[in-house]
Amino acid sequence: MSVDACAALVERGDPWRFACAMAAPVAARRVLFPLYAFNIEVARAPWVTQEPMIAEMRLQWWRDALEEIATGGTVRRHEVVSPLADVLDADAARLLDRLVEARRWDIYKAPFEDAQHLTHYLEDTSACLMRAGVRALGGADTGVADYGFGAGLAMFLQAVPELEARGRVPLVDGRPEGVASLARDGLARLRSGRKALRLSREAKAALFPGVTASALLARVVARPGLVVAGGVQVSEAGRKLRLIRASAFGRV
């Protein structure tokens, strides 16, 4: 039950966020690795079983653990929960509870009800993860929700082909003009959030997973057909360059 165990889990399960955490100041890693390990466990919970009730129980387990952290009571011993409890306050734990609740959409095959439902999903998953990380690193929340939405949308659009292959309906409007409009809105929120950020170098590390989002969303605006074709990508060299720039100069 250590940060090292969380780091190993992230290295296996989410190589991009592992690279982002390793690019962060050393002191920030004790926050980011438990946070990203938590995200892996919650994100995969709806997919490891075909039984919705079992998936619901798995997510409820995490909500119960977060409630223990939020209320300051006895926290269950677990390789991820224990180090997570060391870095979260009550408000950060409640942000992550929103993330777990939003992941219930992944259990079922019903589409999003409307565009607002998709917006809330991204705000409660990607954005809440970043907001909790920034808070745990002592940063202010200003601009983080918008930045996190844009970053989350970029990752979500990359996942569209896999989600469709698993029988989900990820896009509310799958027409090229609908996809381009969605990416345009995400790009606007990303840029607006970036302008509003007032963060230390350490707290800004929680935003490193979004460093490729601007390029990805701009690409979708120009060529929305890339989404269903699985072509929303940034080269490995491009990803590394953006991450190095973020680590060295704080440019997210």
Protein backbone atom coordinates (compact mmCIF):
# COMPACT_ATOMS: atom_id res chain seq x y z
CA MET A 1 0.00 0.00 0.00
CA SER A 2 2.35 2.64 -1.29
CA VAL A 3 2.80 5.28 -3.95
CA ASP A 4 5.23 2.90 -5.68
CA ALA A 5 2.47 0.30 -6.04
CA CYS A 6 0.19 2.93 -7.53
CA ALA A 7 2.94 4.01 -9.93
CA ALA A 8 3.38 0.42 -11.10
CA LEU A 9 -0.37 0.11 -11.71
CA VAL A 10 -0.41 3.35 -13.72
CA GLU A 11 2.63 2.32 -15.75
CA ARG A 12 0.82 -0.86 -16.80
CA GLY A 13 -2.67 0.55 -17.23
CA ASP A 14 -2.27 4.13 -18.44
CA PRO A 15 1.15 4.77 -20.03
CA TRP A 16 0.27 8.34 -21.06
CA ARG A 17 -0.68 9.46 -17.55
CA PHE A 18 2.36 7.61 -16.23
CA ALA A 19 4.57 9.69 -18.53
CA CYS A 20 2.75 12.83 -17.42
CA ALA A 21 3.29 12.00 -13.74
CA MET A 22 6.96 11.28 -14.33
CA ALA A 23 7.27 14.68 -16.03
CA ALA A 24 5.82 16.36 -12.92
CA PRO A 25 7.93 17.69 -10.04
CA VAL A 26 8.92 14.82 -7.76
CA ALA A 27 6.78 16.10 -4.89
CA ALA A 28 3.70 16.08 -7.11
CA ARG A 29 4.02 12.39 -7.94
CA ARG A 30 2.85 11.27 -4.50
CA VAL A 31 -0.48 12.92 -5.40
CA LEU A 32 -0.70 12.03 -9.07
CA PHE A 33 0.12 8.33 -8.93
CA PRO A 34 -2.63 7.43 -6.40
CA LEU A 35 -5.05 9.66 -8.30
CA TYR A 36 -4.31 8.03 -11.64
CA ALA A 37 -4.35 4.54 -10.13
CA PHE A 38 -7.80 5.32 -8.74
CA ASN A 39 -8.91 6.50 -12.18
CA ILE A 40 -7.76 3.24 -13.78
CA GLU A 41 -9.62 1.12 -11.24
CA VAL A 42 -12.84 3.09 -11.62
CA ALA A 43 -12.66 3.41 -15.41
CA ARG A 44 -12.26 -0.32 -15.92
CA ALA A 45 -14.88 -1.40 -13.35
CA PRO A 46 -17.81 -1.23 -15.80
CA TRP A 47 -15.95 -3.29 -18.40
CA VAL A 48 -14.64 -6.28 -16.43
CA THR A 49 -18.03 -7.96 -16.18
CA GLN A 50 -21.09 -8.46 -18.36
CA GLU A 51 -23.34 -8.26 -15.30
CA PRO A 52 -24.57 -4.68 -14.71
CA MET A 53 -25.33 -5.39 -11.06
CA ILE A 54 -21.75 -6.51 -10.38
CA ALA A 55 -20.40 -3.43 -12.17
CA GLU A 56 -22.70 -1.22 -10.09
CA MET A 57 -21.40 -2.91 -6.93
CA ARG A 58 -17.80 -2.31 -7.98
CA LEU A 59 -18.46 1.39 -8.49
CA GLN A 60 -20.38 1.61 -5.22
CA TRP A 61 -17.35 0.16 -3.42
CA TRP A 62 -15.31 3.12 -4.62
CA ARG A 63 -18.02 5.58 -3.64
CA ASP A 64 -18.05 4.07 -0.15
CA ALA A 65 -14.26 4.40 0.09
CA LEU A 66 -14.43 8.05 -0.97
CA GLU A 67 -17.15 8.70 1.61
CA GLU A 68 -14.82 7.33 4.28
CA ILE A 69 -12.13 9.74 3.13
CA ALA A 70 -14.54 12.68 2.91
CA THR A 71 -15.96 12.17 6.38
CA GLY A 72 -12.60 11.63 8.05
CA GLY A 73 -13.55 8.24 9.46
CA THR A 74 -11.67 4.97 9.37
CA VAL A 75 -10.56 4.34 5.79
CA ARG A 76 -10.38 0.80 4.43
CA ARG A 77 -6.90 -0.56 3.78
CA HIS A 78 -6.30 -0.98 0.07
CA GLU A 79 -3.31 -0.51 -2.23
CA VAL A 80 -4.93 2.50 -3.92
CA VAL A 81 -7.38 3.81 -1.32
CA SER A 82 -4.78 4.10 1.44
CA PRO A 83 -2.31 6.36 -0.42
CA LEU A 84 -5.24 8.24 -1.94
CA ALA A 85 -6.57 9.02 1.52
CA ASP A 86 -3.21 10.57 2.40
CA VAL A 87 -3.53 13.26 -0.29
CA LEU A 88 -7.25 14.08 -0.57
CA ASP A 89 -9.31 16.46 1.52
CA ALA A 90 -13.11 16.18 1.76
CA ASP A 91 -13.80 18.42 -1.24
CA ALA A 92 -11.37 16.54 -3.48
CA ALA A 93 -12.94 13.23 -2.40
CA ARG A 94 -16.38 14.56 -3.35
CA LEU A 95 -15.09 15.60 -6.77
CA LEU A 96 -13.93 12.04 -7.32
CA ASP A 97 -17.30 10.74 -6.15
CA ARG A 98 -18.84 12.64 -9.06
CA LEU A 99 -16.38 10.84 -11.34
CA VAL A 100 -17.44 7.42 -10.05
CA GLU A 101 -21.13 8.24 -10.41
CA ALA A 102 -20.62 9.43 -14.00
CA ARG A 103 -18.91 6.15 -14.88
CA ARG A 104 -22.26 4.37 -14.47
CA TRP A 105 -22.95 5.42 -18.08
CA ASP A 106 -20.20 3.01 -19.15
CA ILE A 107 -22.09 0.04 -17.71
CA TYR A 108 -25.08 0.29 -20.01
CA LYS A 109 -25.57 0.60 -23.77
CA ALA A 110 -28.06 3.45 -23.75
CA PRO A 111 -26.82 6.55 -25.60
CA PHE A 112 -26.38 9.92 -23.96
CA GLU A 113 -29.75 11.59 -23.53
CA ASP A 114 -28.62 14.80 -25.21
CA ALA A 115 -25.60 17.05 -25.66
CA GLN A 116 -25.87 18.30 -22.09
CA HIS A 117 -25.64 14.74 -20.78
CA LEU A 118 -22.37 14.23 -22.68
CA THR A 119 -21.08 17.56 -21.36
CA HIS A 120 -21.83 16.54 -17.77
CA TYR A 121 -20.14 13.18 -18.34
CA LEU A 122 -16.92 14.86 -19.46
CA GLU A 123 -17.09 17.49 -16.72
CA ASP A 124 -17.56 14.80 -14.07
CA THR A 125 -14.87 12.42 -15.36
CA SER A 126 -11.86 14.13 -16.91
CA ALA A 127 -12.47 17.59 -15.46
CA CYS A 128 -13.16 16.35 -11.91
CA LEU A 129 -10.02 14.21 -12.01
CA MET A 130 -7.96 17.28 -12.91
CA ARG A 131 -9.77 19.47 -10.38
CA ALA A 132 -9.08 16.96 -7.60
CA GLY A 133 -5.42 16.78 -8.61
CA VAL A 134 -5.02 20.55 -8.68
CA ARG A 135 -6.71 20.86 -5.30
CA ALA A 136 -4.53 18.15 -3.77
CA LEU A 137 -1.49 20.01 -5.07
CA GLY A 138 -2.60 23.26 -3.46
CA GLY A 139 -3.90 25.02 -6.57
CA ALA A 140 -6.97 27.15 -7.19
CA ASP A 141 -9.85 25.76 -9.22
CA THR A 142 -10.22 28.74 -11.56
CA GLY A 143 -10.20 27.64 -15.19
CA VAL A 144 -9.56 23.97 -14.41
CA ALA A 145 -13.11 22.78 -15.16
CA ASP A 146 -13.05 24.28 -18.66
CA TYR A 147 -9.54 23.05 -19.36
CA GLY A 148 -10.47 19.59 -18.07
CA PHE A 149 -13.56 19.45 -20.26
CA GLY A 150 -11.55 20.22 -23.38
CA ALA A 151 -8.85 17.72 -22.45
CA GLY A 152 -11.45 15.08 -21.67
CA LEU A 153 -13.26 15.64 -24.95
CA ALA A 154 -10.04 15.11 -26.90
CA MET A 155 -9.45 11.79 -25.12
CA PHE A 156 -13.10 10.79 -25.56
CA LEU A 157 -13.02 11.43 -29.31
CA GLN A 158 -9.94 9.22 -29.55
CA ALA A 159 -11.91 6.44 -27.83
CA VAL A 160 -14.99 6.63 -30.10
CA PRO A 161 -14.08 3.66 -32.37
CA GLU A 162 -13.45 1.37 -29.39
CA LEU A 163 -16.64 2.48 -27.65
CA GLU A 164 -18.64 1.79 -30.80
CA ALA A 165 -16.98 -1.62 -31.13
CA ARG A 166 -18.16 -2.39 -27.60
CA GLY A 167 -21.74 -1.57 -28.50
CA ARG A 168 -21.89 1.96 -27.08
CA VAL A 169 -23.25 5.08 -28.77
CA PRO A 170 -20.73 7.75 -27.76
CA LEU A 171 -21.73 10.59 -30.09
CA VAL A 172 -24.98 12.50 -29.71
CA ASP A 173 -24.61 13.86 -33.24
CA GLY A 174 -22.31 11.71 -35.34
CA ARG A 175 -22.65 13.77 -38.51
CA PRO A 176 -19.40 15.48 -39.58
CA GLU A 177 -20.86 18.90 -38.85
CA GLY A 178 -22.02 17.73 -35.41
CA VAL A 179 -18.60 16.28 -34.55
CA ALA A 180 -16.83 19.43 -35.77
CA SER A 181 -19.16 21.62 -33.71
CA LEU A 182 -18.50 19.53 -30.60
CA ALA A 183 -14.74 19.77 -31.12
CA ARG A 184 -15.02 23.52 -31.72
CA ASP A 185 -16.85 23.97 -28.42
CA GLY A 186 -14.25 21.86 -26.62
CA LEU A 187 -11.42 23.85 -28.13
CA ALA A 188 -13.04 27.12 -27.04
CA ARG A 189 -13.44 25.87 -23.46
CA LEU A 190 -9.90 24.53 -23.40
CA ARG A 191 -8.49 27.89 -24.46
CA SER A 192 -10.74 29.82 -22.10
CA GLY A 193 -9.71 27.60 -19.19
CA ARG A 194 -6.03 27.92 -20.05
CA LYS A 195 -6.26 31.73 -19.96
CA ALA A 196 -7.94 31.64 -16.53
CA LEU A 197 -5.40 29.32 -14.87
CA ARG A 198 -3.49 30.72 -11.90
CA LEU A 199 -1.42 27.75 -10.81
CA SER A 200 1.99 26.96 -9.38
CA ARG A 201 4.31 24.79 -11.44
CA GLU A 202 3.57 21.88 -9.12
CA ALA A 203 -0.23 22.22 -9.31
CA LYS A 204 -0.12 22.66 -13.07
CA ALA A 205 1.31 19.13 -13.32
CA ALA A 206 -2.22 17.80 -12.76
CA LEU A 207 -3.08 19.22 -16.19
CA PHE A 208 -0.25 17.59 -18.12
CA PRO A 209 -2.51 14.84 -19.60
CA GLY A 210 -4.22 17.61 -21.58
CA VAL A 211 -1.14 18.96 -23.36
CA THR A 212 -2.07 17.34 -26.68
CA ALA A 213 -5.76 18.31 -26.53
CA SER A 214 -5.51 21.57 -28.44
CA ALA A 215 -3.82 19.93 -31.43
CA LEU A 216 -6.24 17.00 -31.39
CA LEU A 217 -9.38 19.12 -31.24
CA ALA A 218 -8.12 21.48 -33.95
CA ARG A 219 -7.54 18.45 -36.14
CA VAL A 220 -11.10 17.22 -35.57
CA VAL A 221 -12.53 20.66 -36.37
CA ALA A 222 -10.72 20.54 -39.71
CA ARG A 223 -11.36 16.84 -40.44
CA PRO A 224 -14.24 15.46 -38.33
CA GLY A 225 -14.23 12.18 -40.25
CA LEU A 226 -11.03 11.24 -38.43
CA VAL A 227 -13.03 10.45 -35.30
CA VAL A 228 -14.94 7.39 -36.54
CA ALA A 229 -11.90 6.33 -38.58
CA GLY A 230 -9.72 6.23 -35.46
CA GLY A 231 -7.37 8.85 -36.84
CA VAL A 232 -7.43 11.36 -33.98
CA GLN A 233 -3.81 11.01 -32.98
CA VAL A 234 -0.68 13.02 -32.22
CA SER A 235 2.63 11.41 -33.11
CA GLU A 236 4.70 9.98 -30.29
CA ALA A 237 7.37 12.60 -30.99
CA GLY A 238 4.73 15.32 -30.83
CA ARG A 239 3.39 14.04 -27.52
CA LYS A 240 6.85 13.91 -26.00
CA LEU A 241 7.68 17.41 -27.23
CA ARG A 242 4.52 18.88 -25.71
CA LEU A 243 5.12 17.07 -22.45
CA ILE A 244 8.73 18.27 -22.27
CA ARG A 245 7.56 21.83 -22.92
CA ALA A 246 4.92 21.56 -20.20
CA SER A 247 7.41 20.17 -17.71
CA ALA A 248 10.09 22.74 -18.48
CA PHE A 249 7.98 25.86 -18.97
CA GLY A 250 4.56 25.04 -17.51
CA ARG A 251 2.84 25.46 -20.88
CA VAL A 252 -0.28 23.33 -20.82
